[in-house]
Protein backbone atom coordinates (compact mmCIF):
# COMPACT_ATOMS: atom_id res chain seq x y z
CA MET A 1 -76.86 -244.06 -16.60
CA SER A 2 -76.40 -240.65 -15.42
CA SER A 3 -79.07 -238.28 -16.06
CA SER A 4 -78.11 -234.76 -16.07
CA HIS A 5 -81.10 -232.73 -15.46
CA ALA A 6 -80.48 -229.37 -16.94
CA SER A 7 -83.10 -226.73 -16.70
CA ALA A 8 -84.57 -225.52 -19.91
CA PRO A 9 -83.34 -222.14 -20.90
CA ARG A 10 -85.90 -219.38 -20.68
CA ALA A 11 -87.09 -217.99 -23.88
CA THR A 12 -86.17 -214.39 -23.93
CA GLY A 13 -88.99 -213.29 -26.16
CA VAL A 14 -91.78 -214.91 -24.13
CA GLU A 15 -91.40 -213.08 -20.82
CA GLU A 16 -94.44 -211.99 -18.90
CA GLU A 17 -95.28 -208.57 -20.03
CA GLY A 18 -97.78 -206.29 -18.41
CA SER A 19 -98.19 -202.78 -17.37
CA THR A 20 -98.65 -201.56 -13.86
CA LEU A 21 -100.16 -198.36 -15.18
CA PRO A 22 -103.81 -199.56 -14.97
CA LEU A 23 -103.24 -200.74 -11.40
CA ILE A 24 -101.65 -197.45 -10.41
CA LEU A 25 -104.44 -195.47 -12.08
CA GLY A 26 -107.02 -197.57 -10.26
CA TYR A 27 -105.38 -196.91 -6.88
CA VAL A 28 -105.05 -193.20 -7.64
CA LEU A 29 -108.76 -193.06 -8.54
CA LEU A 30 -109.68 -194.94 -5.39
CA ALA A 31 -107.54 -192.58 -3.30
CA LEU A 32 -109.21 -189.53 -4.90
CA VAL A 33 -112.67 -190.92 -4.18
CA VAL A 34 -111.73 -191.59 -0.53
CA ILE A 35 -110.27 -188.10 -0.14
CA PHE A 36 -113.33 -186.51 -1.71
CA VAL A 37 -115.74 -188.44 0.51
CA CYS A 38 -113.66 -187.49 3.60
CA VAL A 39 -113.76 -183.84 2.58
CA CYS A 40 -117.53 -184.01 2.15
CA ALA A 41 -117.97 -185.82 5.49
CA THR A 42 -115.87 -183.18 7.22
CA ASP A 43 -117.89 -180.41 5.61
CA LEU A 44 -121.12 -182.09 6.73
CA TYR A 45 -119.80 -182.40 10.30
CA LEU A 46 -118.81 -178.72 10.35
CA ALA A 47 -122.22 -177.68 8.95
CA GLN A 48 -123.97 -179.63 11.74
CA LYS A 49 -121.69 -178.02 14.38
CA ARG A 50 -122.47 -174.55 12.96
CA LEU A 51 -126.20 -175.35 13.14
CA ASP A 52 -125.77 -176.57 16.73
CA ALA A 53 -124.05 -173.29 17.65
CA LEU A 54 -126.83 -171.33 15.96
CA ALA A 55 -129.47 -173.26 17.89
CA ASP A 56 -127.56 -172.63 21.13
CA SER A 57 -127.38 -168.90 20.37
CA ALA A 58 -131.04 -168.70 19.49
CA ALA A 59 -132.09 -170.58 22.64
CA LEU A 60 -129.87 -168.33 24.79
CA ALA A 61 -131.42 -165.24 23.19
CA GLY A 62 -134.86 -166.76 23.68
CA ALA A 63 -134.15 -167.25 27.40
CA ASP A 64 -133.40 -163.54 27.62
CA GLY A 65 -136.88 -162.69 26.40
CA PHE A 66 -138.44 -163.05 29.83
CA THR A 67 -140.85 -160.81 31.67
CA VAL A 68 -140.45 -160.13 35.37
CA LEU A 69 -143.42 -161.00 37.52
CA ALA A 70 -143.90 -160.04 41.17
CA MET A 71 -146.49 -162.11 42.98
CA ASP A 72 -146.98 -162.60 46.71
CA GLY A 73 -143.71 -160.87 47.53
CA GLU A 74 -141.79 -163.13 45.21
CA VAL A 75 -140.11 -161.97 42.00
CA ARG A 76 -139.64 -164.41 39.16
CA ALA A 77 -138.80 -164.42 35.49
CA GLU A 78 -141.34 -165.96 33.12
CA LEU A 79 -140.95 -166.84 29.49
CA THR A 80 -143.67 -166.87 26.90
CA ASP A 81 -143.73 -168.68 23.57
CA ALA A 82 -144.05 -165.36 21.71
CA GLY A 83 -141.11 -163.80 23.58
CA VAL A 84 -138.85 -166.83 22.94
CA ALA A 85 -139.85 -166.91 19.26
CA GLU A 86 -139.23 -163.18 18.82
CA GLN A 87 -135.75 -163.25 20.36
CA ALA A 88 -134.72 -166.48 18.61
CA THR A 89 -135.95 -165.22 15.21
CA ALA A 90 -133.91 -162.01 15.61
CA VAL A 91 -130.73 -164.02 16.24
CA VAL A 92 -131.30 -166.52 13.42
CA ASP A 93 -132.08 -163.71 10.95
CA VAL A 94 -128.84 -161.91 11.78
CA LEU A 95 -126.49 -164.90 12.04
CA SER A 96 -127.66 -167.23 9.32
CA GLY A 97 -128.88 -166.81 5.81
CA GLU A 98 -129.96 -170.37 5.10
CA ALA A 99 -131.20 -171.71 8.43
CA SER A 100 -134.76 -171.31 9.56
CA ILE A 101 -136.57 -171.77 12.84
CA VAL A 102 -138.71 -174.86 12.97
CA ALA A 103 -140.00 -174.35 16.52
CA ALA A 104 -139.37 -171.86 19.29
CA GLY A 105 -141.15 -171.82 22.61
CA THR A 106 -141.09 -172.55 26.28
CA PRO A 107 -142.15 -175.93 27.62
CA ASP A 108 -142.27 -174.81 31.27
CA GLY A 109 -142.09 -171.01 31.49
CA VAL A 110 -138.40 -170.95 32.52
CA SER A 111 -136.75 -172.81 29.63
CA ALA A 112 -136.43 -171.70 26.03
CA ARG A 113 -136.32 -174.49 23.46
CA VAL A 114 -135.43 -173.63 19.86
CA THR A 115 -135.20 -175.95 16.85
CA VAL A 116 -133.46 -174.74 13.69
CA ALA A 117 -133.12 -176.49 10.35
CA ALA A 118 -131.01 -176.11 7.23
CA SER A 119 -130.03 -178.12 4.19
CA TRP A 120 -126.43 -179.22 3.56
CA ARG A 121 -125.07 -179.36 0.02
CA PRO A 122 -121.71 -181.03 -0.70
CA PRO A 123 -118.87 -178.70 -1.71
CA LEU A 124 -118.37 -180.70 -4.96
CA LEU A 125 -120.93 -182.64 -6.94
CA SER A 126 -120.30 -186.34 -7.01
CA PRO A 127 -122.19 -189.62 -7.48
CA PHE A 128 -120.58 -190.82 -4.21
CA VAL A 129 -122.20 -188.23 -1.93
CA PRO A 130 -125.93 -187.33 -1.65
CA ASP A 131 -126.94 -184.04 -3.22
CA GLY A 132 -128.58 -182.55 -0.13
CA VAL A 133 -128.97 -183.59 3.48
CA PRO A 134 -131.52 -181.96 5.81
CA LEU A 135 -129.98 -180.95 9.12
CA GLU A 136 -131.79 -180.05 12.31
CA SER A 137 -130.66 -178.98 15.77
CA THR A 138 -132.50 -178.35 19.02
CA ALA A 139 -131.15 -176.41 21.98
CA THR A 140 -132.58 -175.53 25.39
CA SER A 141 -131.59 -172.67 27.65
CA ARG A 142 -132.98 -171.82 31.09
CA THR A 143 -133.56 -168.39 32.46
CA ALA A 144 -132.82 -167.57 36.11
CA LEU A 145 -133.52 -164.46 38.12
CA ARG A 146 -131.49 -164.11 41.36
């Protein structure tokens, strides 16, 4: 007895049918979401860096608001909280429209410490990114008289 094992012919009308269109659309949507989130994250990073630069500028200006004191034959520069705040406020008012000074002063009479704050809004509205993020930056600059 010889058994010839022939494979059953495939039915031509019963092939697996499906569309790759939903899969492609899903991947395109996922790619768009990832791109959008990356754009928003980059914008947030740049906003923080701009705020850091503003805080640095305000602290540097605050360190220039010193008064010169001569005592016992020694000349030194001394900062006051009011002088630091006045100089820092002038810089922040000119350079930024949305940032505000949270604190400006001198902890030791030779350093100016300035804290500025702003709120970041994403460039595009999305349910994947928060609507607003509070940002804050603190910078310190020292004054020296030589």
